[in-house]
PDB file of N, CA and C in Angstrom:
ATOM      1  N   MET A   1     -16.395 -57.056 -28.659  1.00  0.00           N
ATOM      2  CA  MET A   1     -15.435 -56.675 -27.654  1.00  0.00           C
ATOM      3  C   MET A   1     -14.240 -56.028 -28.318  1.00  0.00           C
ATOM      4  N   LEU A   2     -13.835 -54.923 -27.744  1.00  0.00           N
ATOM      5  CA  LEU A   2     -12.637 -54.231 -28.189  1.00  0.00           C
ATOM      6  C   LEU A   2     -11.671 -54.281 -27.011  1.00  0.00           C
ATOM      7  N   VAL A   3     -10.574 -55.029 -27.162  1.00  0.00           N
ATOM      8  CA  VAL A   3      -9.734 -55.373 -26.016  1.00  0.00           C
ATOM      9  C   VAL A   3      -8.260 -55.232 -26.351  1.00  0.00           C
ATOM     10  N   SER A   4      -7.490 -54.787 -25.361  1.00  0.00           N
ATOM     11  CA  SER A   4      -6.026 -54.850 -25.451  1.00  0.00           C
ATOM     12  C   SER A   4      -5.529 -55.785 -24.361  1.00  0.00           C
ATOM     13  N   ASP A   5      -4.391 -56.390 -24.599  1.00  0.00           N
ATOM     14  CA  ASP A   5      -3.794 -57.278 -23.603  1.00  0.00           C
ATOM     15  C   ASP A   5      -3.313 -56.449 -22.413  1.00  0.00           C
ATOM     16  N   TRP A   6      -3.550 -56.917 -21.201  1.00  0.00           N
ATOM     17  CA  TRP A   6      -3.249 -56.154 -19.987  1.00  0.00           C
ATOM     18  C   TRP A   6      -1.808 -55.623 -19.942  1.00  0.00           C
ATOM     19  N   PRO A   7      -0.780 -56.411 -20.253  1.00  0.00           N
ATOM     20  CA  PRO A   7       0.589 -55.892 -20.132  1.00  0.00           C
ATOM     21  C   PRO A   7       0.889 -54.693 -21.044  1.00  0.00           C
ATOM     22  N   VAL A   8       0.130 -54.522 -22.110  1.00  0.00           N
ATOM     23  CA  VAL A   8       0.380 -53.409 -23.028  1.00  0.00           C
ATOM     24  C   VAL A   8      -0.791 -52.429 -23.093  1.00  0.00           C
ATOM     25  N   LYS A   9      -1.687 -52.496 -22.121  1.00  0.00           N
ATOM     26  CA  LYS A   9      -2.924 -51.709 -22.180  1.00  0.00           C
ATOM     27  C   LYS A   9      -2.697 -50.208 -22.292  1.00  0.00           C
ATOM     28  N   ASP A  10      -1.590 -49.702 -21.782  1.00  0.00           N
ATOM     29  CA  ASP A  10      -1.316 -48.268 -21.865  1.00  0.00           C
ATOM     30  C   ASP A  10      -0.439 -47.911 -23.055  1.00  0.00           C
ATOM     31  N   LYS A  11      -0.124 -48.887 -23.892  1.00  0.00           N
ATOM     32  CA  LYS A  11       0.724 -48.650 -25.057  1.00  0.00           C
ATOM     33  C   LYS A  11      -0.024 -48.771 -26.374  1.00  0.00           C
ATOM     34  N   VAL A  12      -1.213 -49.380 -26.357  1.00  0.00           N
ATOM     35  CA  VAL A  12      -1.964 -49.591 -27.598  1.00  0.00           C
ATOM     36  C   VAL A  12      -3.347 -48.953 -27.512  1.00  0.00           C
ATOM     37  N   ARG A  13      -3.894 -48.651 -28.691  1.00  0.00           N
ATOM     38  CA  ARG A  13      -5.232 -48.089 -28.807  1.00  0.00           C
ATOM     39  C   ARG A  13      -5.909 -48.731 -30.013  1.00  0.00           C
ATOM     40  N   ILE A  14      -7.230 -48.785 -29.985  1.00  0.00           N
ATOM     41  CA  ILE A  14      -8.014 -49.144 -31.168  1.00  0.00           C
ATOM     42  C   ILE A  14      -8.748 -47.870 -31.553  1.00  0.00           C
ATOM     43  N   GLU A  15      -8.366 -47.289 -32.670  1.00  0.00           N
ATOM     44  CA  GLU A  15      -8.917 -45.997 -33.094  1.00  0.00           C
ATOM     45  C   GLU A  15      -9.809 -46.128 -34.321  1.00  0.00           C
ATOM     46  N   ASN A  16     -10.888 -45.378 -34.312  1.00  0.00           N
ATOM     47  CA  ASN A  16     -11.748 -45.208 -35.482  1.00  0.00           C
ATOM     48  C   ASN A  16     -12.293 -46.509 -36.066  1.00  0.00           C
ATOM     49  N   ALA A  17     -12.656 -47.450 -35.211  1.00  0.00           N
ATOM     50  CA  ALA A  17     -13.352 -48.650 -35.691  1.00  0.00           C
ATOM     51  C   ALA A  17     -14.773 -48.220 -36.062  1.00  0.00           C
ATOM     52  N   HIS A  18     -15.300 -48.746 -37.164  1.00  0.00           N
ATOM     53  CA  HIS A  18     -16.637 -48.369 -37.630  1.00  0.00           C
ATOM     54  C   HIS A  18     -17.505 -49.617 -37.758  1.00  0.00           C
ATOM     55  N   PHE A  19     -18.678 -49.564 -37.143  1.00  0.00           N
ATOM     56  CA  PHE A  19     -19.643 -50.657 -37.222  1.00  0.00           C
ATOM     57  C   PHE A  19     -20.890 -50.115 -37.908  1.00  0.00           C
ATOM     58  N   LYS A  20     -21.277 -50.732 -39.024  1.00  0.00           N
ATOM     59  CA  LYS A  20     -22.417 -50.250 -39.806  1.00  0.00           C
ATOM     60  C   LYS A  20     -23.234 -51.439 -40.299  1.00  0.00           C
ATOM     61  N   ASP A  21     -24.581 -51.273 -40.231  1.00  0.00           N
ATOM     62  CA  ASP A  21     -25.515 -52.280 -40.736  1.00  0.00           C
ATOM     63  C   ASP A  21     -25.283 -53.648 -40.083  1.00  0.00           C
ATOM     64  N   VAL A  22     -25.305 -53.649 -38.746  1.00  0.00           N
ATOM     65  CA  VAL A  22     -25.067 -54.866 -37.966  1.00  0.00           C
ATOM     66  C   VAL A  22     -26.316 -55.200 -37.159  1.00  0.00           C
ATOM     67  N   ARG A  23     -26.615 -56.491 -37.044  1.00  0.00           N
ATOM     68  CA  ARG A  23     -27.698 -56.962 -36.170  1.00  0.00           C
ATOM     69  C   ARG A  23     -27.088 -57.783 -35.042  1.00  0.00           C
ATOM     70  N   VAL A  24     -27.490 -57.468 -33.821  1.00  0.00           N
ATOM     71  CA  VAL A  24     -27.020 -58.183 -32.630  1.00  0.00           C
ATOM     72  C   VAL A  24     -28.246 -58.768 -31.951  1.00  0.00           C
ATOM     73  N   ASP A  25     -28.231 -60.077 -31.711  1.00  0.00           N
ATOM     74  CA  ASP A  25     -29.393 -60.733 -31.113  1.00  0.00           C
ATOM     75  C   ASP A  25     -28.949 -61.667 -30.000  1.00  0.00           C
ATOM     76  N   GLY A  26     -29.385 -61.390 -28.761  1.00  0.00           N
ATOM     77  CA  GLY A  26     -29.141 -62.288 -27.643  1.00  0.00           C
ATOM     78  C   GLY A  26     -27.719 -62.288 -27.133  1.00  0.00           C
ATOM     79  N   THR A  27     -27.207 -61.125 -26.751  1.00  0.00           N
ATOM     80  CA  THR A  27     -25.817 -61.055 -26.300  1.00  0.00           C
ATOM     81  C   THR A  27     -25.599 -61.718 -24.952  1.00  0.00           C
ATOM     82  N   GLY A  28     -26.593 -61.730 -24.086  1.00  0.00           N
ATOM     83  CA  GLY A  28     -26.411 -62.241 -22.734  1.00  0.00           C
ATOM     84  C   GLY A  28     -25.845 -61.183 -21.807  1.00  0.00           C
ATOM     85  N   THR A  29     -25.020 -60.286 -22.352  1.00  0.00           N
ATOM     86  CA  THR A  29     -24.501 -59.158 -21.560  1.00  0.00           C
ATOM     87  C   THR A  29     -24.695 -57.876 -22.352  1.00  0.00           C
ATOM     88  N   SER A  30     -23.654 -57.329 -22.962  1.00  0.00           N
ATOM     89  CA  SER A  30     -23.710 -56.021 -23.630  1.00  0.00           C
ATOM     90  C   SER A  30     -23.502 -56.131 -25.134  1.00  0.00           C
ATOM     91  N   VAL A  31     -23.906 -55.087 -25.851  1.00  0.00           N
ATOM     92  CA  VAL A  31     -23.649 -55.010 -27.286  1.00  0.00           C
ATOM     93  C   VAL A  31     -22.174 -54.667 -27.514  1.00  0.00           C
ATOM     94  N   VAL A  32     -21.654 -53.730 -26.742  1.00  0.00           N
ATOM     95  CA  VAL A  32     -20.256 -53.301 -26.859  1.00  0.00           C
ATOM     96  C   VAL A  32     -19.579 -53.407 -25.504  1.00  0.00           C
ATOM     97  N   SER A  33     -18.421 -54.057 -25.480  1.00  0.00           N
ATOM     98  CA  SER A  33     -17.565 -54.067 -24.298  1.00  0.00           C
ATOM     99  C   SER A  33     -16.210 -53.524 -24.720  1.00  0.00           C
ATOM    100  N   ALA A  34     -15.822 -52.396 -24.138  1.00  0.00           N
ATOM    101  CA  ALA A  34     -14.540 -51.768 -24.472  1.00  0.00           C
ATOM    102  C   ALA A  34     -13.574 -51.961 -23.315  1.00  0.00           C
ATOM    103  N   ARG A  35     -12.439 -52.558 -23.620  1.00  0.00           N
ATOM    104  CA  ARG A  35     -11.368 -52.795 -22.645  1.00  0.00           C
ATOM    105  C   ARG A  35     -10.058 -52.293 -23.234  1.00  0.00           C
ATOM    106  N   VAL A  36     -10.100 -51.093 -23.781  1.00  0.00           N
ATOM    107  CA  VAL A  36      -8.955 -50.520 -24.480  1.00  0.00           C
ATOM    108  C   VAL A  36      -9.202 -49.013 -24.623  1.00  0.00           C
ATOM    109  N   ALA A  37      -8.175 -48.270 -24.883  1.00  0.00           N
ATOM    110  CA  ALA A  37      -8.319 -46.850 -25.204  1.00  0.00           C
ATOM    111  C   ALA A  37      -8.614 -46.729 -26.698  1.00  0.00           C
ATOM    112  N   GLY A  38      -9.295 -45.661 -27.103  1.00  0.00           N
ATOM    113  CA  GLY A  38      -9.556 -45.438 -28.516  1.00  0.00           C
ATOM    114  C   GLY A  38     -10.956 -44.964 -28.794  1.00  0.00           C
ATOM    115  N   SER A  39     -11.505 -45.387 -29.962  1.00  0.00           N
ATOM    116  CA  SER A  39     -12.832 -44.915 -30.351  1.00  0.00           C
ATOM    117  C   SER A  39     -13.459 -45.843 -31.385  1.00  0.00           C
ATOM    118  N   ALA A  40     -14.787 -45.780 -31.457  1.00  0.00           N
ATOM    119  CA  ALA A  40     -15.548 -46.521 -32.467  1.00  0.00           C
ATOM    120  C   ALA A  40     -16.833 -45.767 -32.757  1.00  0.00           C
ATOM    121  N   SER A  41     -17.323 -45.907 -33.996  1.00  0.00           N
ATOM    122  CA  SER A  41     -18.607 -45.312 -34.358  1.00  0.00           C
ATOM    123  C   SER A  41     -19.578 -46.429 -34.731  1.00  0.00           C
ATOM    124  N   PHE A  42     -20.872 -46.105 -34.576  1.00  0.00           N
ATOM    125  CA  PHE A  42     -21.934 -47.081 -34.798  1.00  0.00           C
ATOM    126  C   PHE A  42     -23.023 -46.451 -35.647  1.00  0.00           C
ATOM    127  N   GLU A  43     -23.415 -47.152 -36.730  1.00  0.00           N
ATOM    128  CA  GLU A  43     -24.456 -46.667 -37.628  1.00  0.00           C
ATOM    129  C   GLU A  43     -25.328 -47.847 -38.045  1.00  0.00           C
ATOM    130  N   ASN A  44     -26.635 -47.695 -37.848  1.00  0.00           N
ATOM    131  CA  ASN A  44     -27.601 -48.743 -38.193  1.00  0.00           C
ATOM    132  C   ASN A  44     -27.257 -50.079 -37.522  1.00  0.00           C
ATOM    133  N   VAL A  45     -26.933 -50.007 -36.245  1.00  0.00           N
ATOM    134  CA  VAL A  45     -26.689 -51.225 -35.468  1.00  0.00           C
ATOM    135  C   VAL A  45     -27.968 -51.520 -34.677  1.00  0.00           C
ATOM    136  N   ASP A  46     -28.637 -52.593 -35.043  1.00  0.00           N
ATOM    137  CA  ASP A  46     -29.884 -52.990 -34.396  1.00  0.00           C
ATOM    138  C   ASP A  46     -29.600 -54.111 -33.408  1.00  0.00           C
ATOM    139  N   ALA A  47     -30.132 -53.980 -32.197  1.00  0.00           N
ATOM    140  CA  ALA A  47     -29.894 -54.982 -31.167  1.00  0.00           C
ATOM    141  C   ALA A  47     -31.213 -55.388 -30.528  1.00  0.00           C
ATOM    142  N   ARG A  48     -31.294 -56.652 -30.141  1.00  0.00           N
ATOM    143  CA  ARG A  48     -32.444 -57.120 -29.379  1.00  0.00           C
ATOM    144  C   ARG A  48     -31.967 -58.200 -28.416  1.00  0.00           C
ATOM    145  N   ASN A  49     -32.753 -58.388 -27.378  1.00  0.00           N
ATOM    146  CA  ASN A  49     -32.441 -59.384 -26.354  1.00  0.00           C
ATOM    147  C   ASN A  49     -31.071 -59.142 -25.720  1.00  0.00           C
ATOM    148  N   VAL A  50     -30.798 -57.889 -25.384  1.00  0.00           N
ATOM    149  CA  VAL A  50     -29.555 -57.523 -24.715  1.00  0.00           C
ATOM    150  C   VAL A  50     -29.726 -57.806 -23.222  1.00  0.00           C
ATOM    151  N   GLY A  51     -28.830 -58.595 -22.643  1.00  0.00           N
ATOM    152  CA  GLY A  51     -28.992 -59.053 -21.273  1.00  0.00           C
ATOM    153  C   GLY A  51     -28.548 -58.083 -20.200  1.00  0.00           C
ATOM    154  N   ALA A  52     -27.714 -57.098 -20.546  1.00  0.00           N
ATOM    155  CA  ALA A  52     -27.226 -56.116 -19.567  1.00  0.00           C
ATOM    156  C   ALA A  52     -27.228 -54.751 -20.232  1.00  0.00           C
ATOM    157  N   VAL A  53     -26.619 -53.773 -19.597  1.00  0.00           N
ATOM    158  CA  VAL A  53     -26.544 -52.436 -20.185  1.00  0.00           C
ATOM    159  C   VAL A  53     -25.897 -52.539 -21.570  1.00  0.00           C
ATOM    160  N   GLY A  54     -26.360 -51.743 -22.528  1.00  0.00           N
ATOM    161  CA  GLY A  54     -25.906 -51.843 -23.911  1.00  0.00           C
ATOM    162  C   GLY A  54     -24.425 -51.635 -24.116  1.00  0.00           C
ATOM    163  N   VAL A  55     -23.812 -50.755 -23.306  1.00  0.00           N
ATOM    164  CA  VAL A  55     -22.392 -50.455 -23.443  1.00  0.00           C
ATOM    165  C   VAL A  55     -21.702 -50.669 -22.109  1.00  0.00           C
ATOM    166  N   ASN A  56     -20.691 -51.497 -22.110  1.00  0.00           N
ATOM    167  CA  ASN A  56     -19.873 -51.746 -20.925  1.00  0.00           C
ATOM    168  C   ASN A  56     -18.481 -51.198 -21.251  1.00  0.00           C
ATOM    169  N   ASN A  57     -18.224 -49.967 -20.818  1.00  0.00           N
ATOM    170  CA  ASN A  57     -17.034 -49.232 -21.237  1.00  0.00           C
ATOM    171  C   ASN A  57     -16.071 -49.049 -20.071  1.00  0.00           C
ATOM    172  N   CYS A  58     -15.020 -49.852 -20.057  1.00  0.00           N
ATOM    173  CA  CYS A  58     -13.980 -49.746 -19.023  1.00  0.00           C
ATOM    174  C   CYS A  58     -12.749 -49.006 -19.538  1.00  0.00           C
ATOM    175  N   GLY A  59     -12.696 -48.720 -20.837  1.00  0.00           N
ATOM    176  CA  GLY A  59     -11.486 -48.127 -21.388  1.00  0.00           C
ATOM    177  C   GLY A  59     -10.304 -49.036 -21.097  1.00  0.00           C
ATOM    178  N   SER A  60      -9.172 -48.440 -20.727  1.00  0.00           N
ATOM    179  CA  SER A  60      -8.001 -49.269 -20.412  1.00  0.00           C
ATOM    180  C   SER A  60      -7.808 -49.409 -18.903  1.00  0.00           C
ATOM    181  N   PHE A  61      -8.902 -49.257 -18.163  1.00  0.00           N
ATOM    182  CA  PHE A  61      -8.951 -49.488 -16.713  1.00  0.00           C
ATOM    183  C   PHE A  61      -8.128 -48.507 -15.891  1.00  0.00           C
ATOM    184  N   ASN A  62      -7.837 -47.332 -16.440  1.00  0.00           N
ATOM    185  CA  ASN A  62      -7.130 -46.319 -15.645  1.00  0.00           C
ATOM    186  C   ASN A  62      -8.112 -45.441 -14.877  1.00  0.00           C
ATOM    187  N   PHE A  63      -9.363 -45.363 -15.332  1.00  0.00           N
ATOM    188  CA  PHE A  63     -10.433 -44.607 -14.697  1.00  0.00           C
ATOM    189  C   PHE A  63     -10.038 -43.169 -14.349  1.00  0.00           C
ATOM    190  N   PRO A  64      -9.586 -42.384 -15.342  1.00  0.00           N
ATOM    191  CA  PRO A  64      -9.260 -40.986 -15.046  1.00  0.00           C
ATOM    192  C   PRO A  64     -10.521 -40.204 -14.692  1.00  0.00           C
ATOM    193  N   ALA A  65     -10.341 -39.070 -14.053  1.00  0.00           N
ATOM    194  CA  ALA A  65     -11.481 -38.235 -13.651  1.00  0.00           C
ATOM    195  C   ALA A  65     -12.313 -37.797 -14.844  1.00  0.00           C
ATOM    196  N   THR A  66     -11.726 -37.742 -16.036  1.00  0.00           N
ATOM    197  CA  THR A  66     -12.436 -37.325 -17.248  1.00  0.00           C
ATOM    198  C   THR A  66     -13.315 -38.429 -17.813  1.00  0.00           C
ATOM    199  N   GLY A  67     -13.222 -39.643 -17.274  1.00  0.00           N
ATOM    200  CA  GLY A  67     -14.043 -40.744 -17.753  1.00  0.00           C
ATOM    201  C   GLY A  67     -13.221 -41.791 -18.473  1.00  0.00           C
ATOM    202  N   SER A  68     -13.876 -42.583 -19.298  1.00  0.00           N
ATOM    203  CA  SER A  68     -13.208 -43.678 -19.995  1.00  0.00           C
ATOM    204  C   SER A  68     -12.274 -43.159 -21.073  1.00  0.00           C
ATOM    205  N   GLU A  69     -11.266 -43.973 -21.387  1.00  0.00           N
ATOM    206  CA  GLU A  69     -10.355 -43.637 -22.488  1.00  0.00           C
ATOM    207  C   GLU A  69     -10.877 -44.135 -23.827  1.00  0.00           C
ATOM    208  N   PHE A  70     -12.108 -44.695 -23.851  1.00  0.00           N
ATOM    209  CA  PHE A  70     -12.709 -45.167 -25.099  1.00  0.00           C
ATOM    210  C   PHE A  70     -13.959 -44.357 -25.385  1.00  0.00           C
ATOM    211  N   THR A  71     -14.065 -43.820 -26.600  1.00  0.00           N
ATOM    212  CA  THR A  71     -15.184 -42.967 -26.994  1.00  0.00           C
ATOM    213  C   THR A  71     -16.048 -43.665 -28.043  1.00  0.00           C
ATOM    214  N   LEU A  72     -17.371 -43.609 -27.839  1.00  0.00           N
ATOM    215  CA  LEU A  72     -18.321 -44.157 -28.798  1.00  0.00           C
ATOM    216  C   LEU A  72     -19.021 -43.013 -29.513  1.00  0.00           C
ATOM    217  N   VAL A  73     -19.202 -43.149 -30.824  1.00  0.00           N
ATOM    218  CA  VAL A  73     -19.845 -42.122 -31.637  1.00  0.00           C
ATOM    219  C   VAL A  73     -21.102 -42.707 -32.272  1.00  0.00           C
ATOM    220  N   ASP A  74     -22.235 -42.034 -32.083  1.00  0.00           N
ATOM    221  CA  ASP A  74     -23.515 -42.450 -32.656  1.00  0.00           C
ATOM    222  C   ASP A  74     -23.688 -41.778 -34.005  1.00  0.00           C
ATOM    223  N   ARG A  75     -23.681 -42.552 -35.083  1.00  0.00           N
ATOM    224  CA  ARG A  75     -23.862 -42.006 -36.437  1.00  0.00           C
ATOM    225  C   ARG A  75     -25.302 -42.172 -36.922  1.00  0.00           C
ATOM    226  N   GLY A  76     -26.203 -42.592 -36.004  1.00  0.00           N
ATOM    227  CA  GLY A  76     -27.625 -42.655 -36.320  1.00  0.00           C
ATOM    228  C   GLY A  76     -28.102 -44.031 -36.736  1.00  0.00           C
ATOM    229  N   GLY A  77     -29.411 -44.234 -36.587  1.00  0.00           N
ATOM    230  CA  GLY A  77     -30.059 -45.459 -37.012  1.00  0.00           C
ATOM    231  C   GLY A  77     -29.859 -46.639 -36.086  1.00  0.00           C
ATOM    232  N   ASN A  78     -29.319 -46.412 -34.902  1.00  0.00           N
ATOM    233  CA  ASN A  78     -29.089 -47.497 -33.945  1.00  0.00           C
ATOM    234  C   ASN A  78     -30.367 -47.738 -33.147  1.00  0.00           C
ATOM    235  N   ASP A  79     -30.870 -48.979 -33.194  1.00  0.00           N
ATOM    236  CA  ASP A  79     -32.165 -49.292 -32.597  1.00  0.00           C
ATOM    237  C   ASP A  79     -32.070 -50.486 -31.662  1.00  0.00           C
ATOM    238  N   GLY A  80     -33.116 -50.619 -30.859  1.00  0.00           N
ATOM    239  CA  GLY A  80     -33.295 -51.802 -30.050  1.00  0.00           C
ATOM    240  C   GLY A  80     -32.529 -51.763 -28.753  1.00  0.00           C
ATOM    241  N   GLY A  81     -32.566 -52.886 -28.064  1.00  0.00           N
ATOM    242  CA  GLY A  81     -31.901 -52.975 -26.774  1.00  0.00           C
ATOM    243  C   GLY A  81     -32.423 -54.150 -25.994  1.00  0.00           C
ATOM    244  N   GLY A  82     -32.602 -53.890 -24.710  1.00  0.00           N
ATOM    245  CA  GLY A  82     -33.053 -54.963 -23.843  1.00  0.00           C
ATOM    246  C   GLY A  82     -33.756 -54.406 -22.629  1.00  0.00           C
ATOM    247  N   THR A  83     -33.559 -55.038 -21.497  1.00  0.00           N
ATOM    248  CA  THR A  83     -34.277 -54.667 -20.285  1.00  0.00           C
ATOM    249  C   THR A  83     -33.876 -53.309 -19.727  1.00  0.00           C
ATOM    250  N   THR A  84     -32.706 -52.788 -20.121  1.00  0.00           N
ATOM    251  CA  THR A  84     -32.276 -51.479 -19.615  1.00  0.00           C
ATOM    252  C   THR A  84     -32.596 -50.344 -20.580  1.00  0.00           C
ATOM    253  N   GLY A  85     -33.276 -50.642 -21.683  1.00  0.00           N
ATOM    254  CA  GLY A  85     -33.640 -49.612 -22.651  1.00  0.00           C
ATOM    255  C   GLY A  85     -32.787 -49.675 -23.906  1.00  0.00           C
ATOM    256  N   PRO A  86     -32.845 -48.621 -24.728  1.00  0.00           N
ATOM    257  CA  PRO A  86     -32.069 -48.603 -25.973  1.00  0.00           C
ATOM    258  C   PRO A  86     -30.584 -48.874 -25.709  1.00  0.00           C
ATOM    259  N   TRP A  87     -29.975 -49.685 -26.551  1.00  0.00           N
ATOM    260  CA  TRP A  87     -28.623 -50.161 -26.260  1.00  0.00           C
ATOM    261  C   TRP A  87     -27.584 -49.045 -26.236  1.00  0.00           C
ATOM    262  N   LEU A  88     -27.720 -48.016 -27.084  1.00  0.00           N
ATOM    263  CA  LEU A  88     -26.713 -46.948 -27.107  1.00  0.00           C
ATOM    264  C   LEU A  88     -27.096 -45.778 -26.206  1.00  0.00           C
ATOM    265  N   ALA A  89     -28.337 -45.686 -25.837  1.00  0.00           N
ATOM    266  CA  ALA A  89     -28.955 -44.736 -24.910  1.00  0.00           C
ATOM    267  C   ALA A  89     -28.060 -43.779 -24.125  1.00  0.00           C
ATOM    268  N   GLY A  90     -27.416 -42.865 -24.789  1.00  0.00           N
ATOM    269  CA  GLY A  90     -26.648 -41.849 -24.079  1.00  0.00           C
ATOM    270  C   GLY A  90     -25.253 -42.264 -23.694  1.00  0.00           C
ATOM    271  N   TRP A  91     -24.890 -43.541 -23.871  1.00  0.00           N
ATOM    272  CA  TRP A  91     -23.544 -43.987 -23.507  1.00  0.00           C
ATOM    273  C   TRP A  91     -22.524 -43.504 -24.516  1.00  0.00           C
ATOM    274  N   GLU A  92     -22.974 -43.010 -25.669  1.00  0.00           N
ATOM    275  CA  GLU A  92     -22.041 -42.571 -26.700  1.00  0.00           C
ATOM    276  C   GLU A  92     -21.418 -41.223 -26.396  1.00  0.00           C
ATOM    277  N   LEU A  93     -21.887 -40.567 -25.363  1.00  0.00           N
ATOM    278  CA  LEU A  93     -21.277 -39.293 -25.010  1.00  0.00           C
ATOM    279  C   LEU A  93     -19.790 -39.535 -24.801  1.00  0.00           C
ATOM    280  N   PRO A  94     -18.926 -38.676 -25.298  1.00  0.00           N
ATOM    281  CA  PRO A  94     -17.488 -38.943 -25.202  1.00  0.00           C
ATOM    282  C   PRO A  94     -17.059 -39.268 -23.771  1.00  0.00           C
ATOM    283  N   ASN A  95     -16.347 -40.365 -23.644  1.00  0.00           N
ATOM    284  CA  ASN A  95     -15.723 -40.774 -22.387  1.00  0.00           C
ATOM    285  C   ASN A  95     -16.693 -41.197 -21.292  1.00  0.00           C
ATOM    286  N   THR A  96     -17.919 -41.577 -21.639  1.00  0.00           N
ATOM    287  CA  THR A  96     -18.836 -42.064 -20.610  1.00  0.00           C
ATOM    288  C   THR A  96     -18.333 -43.397 -20.090  1.00  0.00           C
ATOM    289  N   LEU A  97     -18.122 -43.487 -18.802  1.00  0.00           N
ATOM    290  CA  LEU A  97     -17.597 -44.687 -18.169  1.00  0.00           C
ATOM    291  C   LEU A  97     -18.754 -45.517 -17.613  1.00  0.00           C
ATOM    292  N   THR A  98     -18.908 -46.739 -18.110  1.00  0.00           N
ATOM    293  CA  THR A  98     -19.972 -47.632 -17.647  1.00  0.00           C
ATOM    294  C   THR A  98     -19.372 -48.993 -17.389  1.00  0.00           C
ATOM    295  N   CYS A  99     -18.370 -49.048 -16.537  1.00  0.00           N
ATOM    296  CA  CYS A  99     -17.595 -50.269 -16.362  1.00  0.00           C
ATOM    297  C   CYS A  99     -18.197 -51.194 -15.313  1.00  0.00           C
ATOM    298  N   ASP A 100     -18.591 -52.375 -15.762  1.00  0.00           N
ATOM    299  CA  ASP A 100     -18.995 -53.452 -14.875  1.00  0.00           C
ATOM    300  C   ASP A 100     -18.249 -54.669 -15.386  1.00  0.00           C
ATOM    301  N   ASP A 101     -17.157 -55.023 -14.744  1.00  0.00           N
ATOM    302  CA  ASP A 101     -16.283 -56.065 -15.272  1.00  0.00           C
ATOM    303  C   ASP A 101     -16.893 -57.457 -15.232  1.00  0.00           C
ATOM    304  N   ARG A 102     -17.940 -57.649 -14.450  1.00  0.00           N
ATOM    305  CA  ARG A 102     -18.583 -58.959 -14.390  1.00  0.00           C
ATOM    306  C   ARG A 102     -20.106 -58.808 -14.304  1.00  0.00           C
ATOM    307  N   PRO A 103     -20.723 -58.302 -15.397  1.00  0.00           N
ATOM    308  CA  PRO A 103     -22.185 -58.175 -15.340  1.00  0.00           C
ATOM    309  C   PRO A 103     -22.834 -59.547 -15.288  1.00  0.00           C
ATOM    310  N   PRO A 104     -23.995 -59.647 -14.646  1.00  0.00           N
ATOM    311  CA  PRO A 104     -24.680 -60.946 -14.635  1.00  0.00           C
ATOM    312  C   PRO A 104     -25.105 -61.313 -16.053  1.00  0.00           C
ATOM    313  N   VAL A 105     -24.968 -62.555 -16.389  1.00  0.00           N
ATOM    314  CA  VAL A 105     -25.340 -63.045 -17.718  1.00  0.00           C
ATOM    315  C   VAL A 105     -26.805 -63.421 -17.696  1.00  0.00           C
ATOM    316  N   VAL A 106     -27.552 -62.948 -18.676  1.00  0.00           N
ATOM    317  CA  VAL A 106     -28.961 -63.260 -18.815  1.00  0.00           C
ATOM    318  C   VAL A 106     -29.138 -64.131 -20.062  1.00  0.00           C
ATOM    319  N   ALA A 107     -29.676 -65.293 -19.892  1.00  0.00           N
ATOM    320  CA  ALA A 107     -29.881 -66.185 -21.045  1.00  0.00           C
ATOM    321  C   ALA A 107     -30.872 -65.556 -22.011  1.00  0.00           C
ATOM    322  N   PRO A 108     -30.512 -65.436 -23.287  1.00  0.00           N
ATOM    323  CA  PRO A 108     -31.441 -64.854 -24.257  1.00  0.00           C
ATOM    324  C   PRO A 108     -32.506 -65.854 -24.660  1.00  0.00           C
ATOM    325  N   PRO A 109     -33.621 -65.367 -25.199  1.00  0.00           N
ATOM    326  CA  PRO A 109     -34.657 -66.287 -25.690  1.00  0.00           C
ATOM    327  C   PRO A 109     -34.161 -67.024 -26.931  1.00  0.00           C
ATOM    328  N   ALA A 110     -34.887 -68.049 -27.309  1.00  0.00           N
ATOM    329  CA  ALA A 110     -34.540 -68.808 -28.509  1.00  0.00           C
ATOM    330  C   ALA A 110     -34.553 -67.894 -29.733  1.00  0.00           C
ATOM    331  N   PRO A 111     -33.686 -68.133 -30.707  1.00  0.00           N
ATOM    332  CA  PRO A 111     -33.655 -67.308 -31.910  1.00  0.00           C
ATOM    333  C   PRO A 111     -34.992 -67.347 -32.636  1.00  0.00           C
ATOM    334  N   GLY A 112     -35.307 -66.248 -33.278  1.00  0.00           N
ATOM    335  CA  GLY A 112     -36.532 -66.164 -34.060  1.00  0.00           C
ATOM    336  C   GLY A 112     -36.312 -65.266 -35.259  1.00  0.00           C
ATOM    337  N   PRO A 113     -37.258 -65.194 -36.150  1.00  0.00           N
ATOM    338  CA  PRO A 113     -37.115 -64.301 -37.315  1.00  0.00           C
ATOM    339  C   PRO A 113     -36.886 -62.862 -36.865  1.00  0.00           C
ATOM    340  N   TRP A 114     -36.052 -62.167 -37.567  1.00  0.00           N
ATOM    341  CA  TRP A 114     -35.762 -60.776 -37.225  1.00  0.00           C
ATOM    342  C   TRP A 114     -36.970 -59.948 -37.575  1.00  0.00           C
TER     343      TRP A 114
END
């Protein structure tokens, strides 16, 4: 989760966060939830047992016509997902808004060997 506190949501940003060589297993909801303005890149992030859409991008909740204020960058090698398909599946397009503030939680299966 990339989040800013509500009272300062229009004053702060999280810029250029980089996630590389990460495994995500059994999130129950999404791999990435953005509740802030800014950007992040993802490289070799493997996910499985994702309970909801891979990216839940609300930005800073201003919902401008141009889309979210948070941008995701695909640097390649991102695999896996859940019932909705590959976790990054096109959501990395700049400013794609996929905001569901209360997605249903899906219990993941028991942990197993990767």
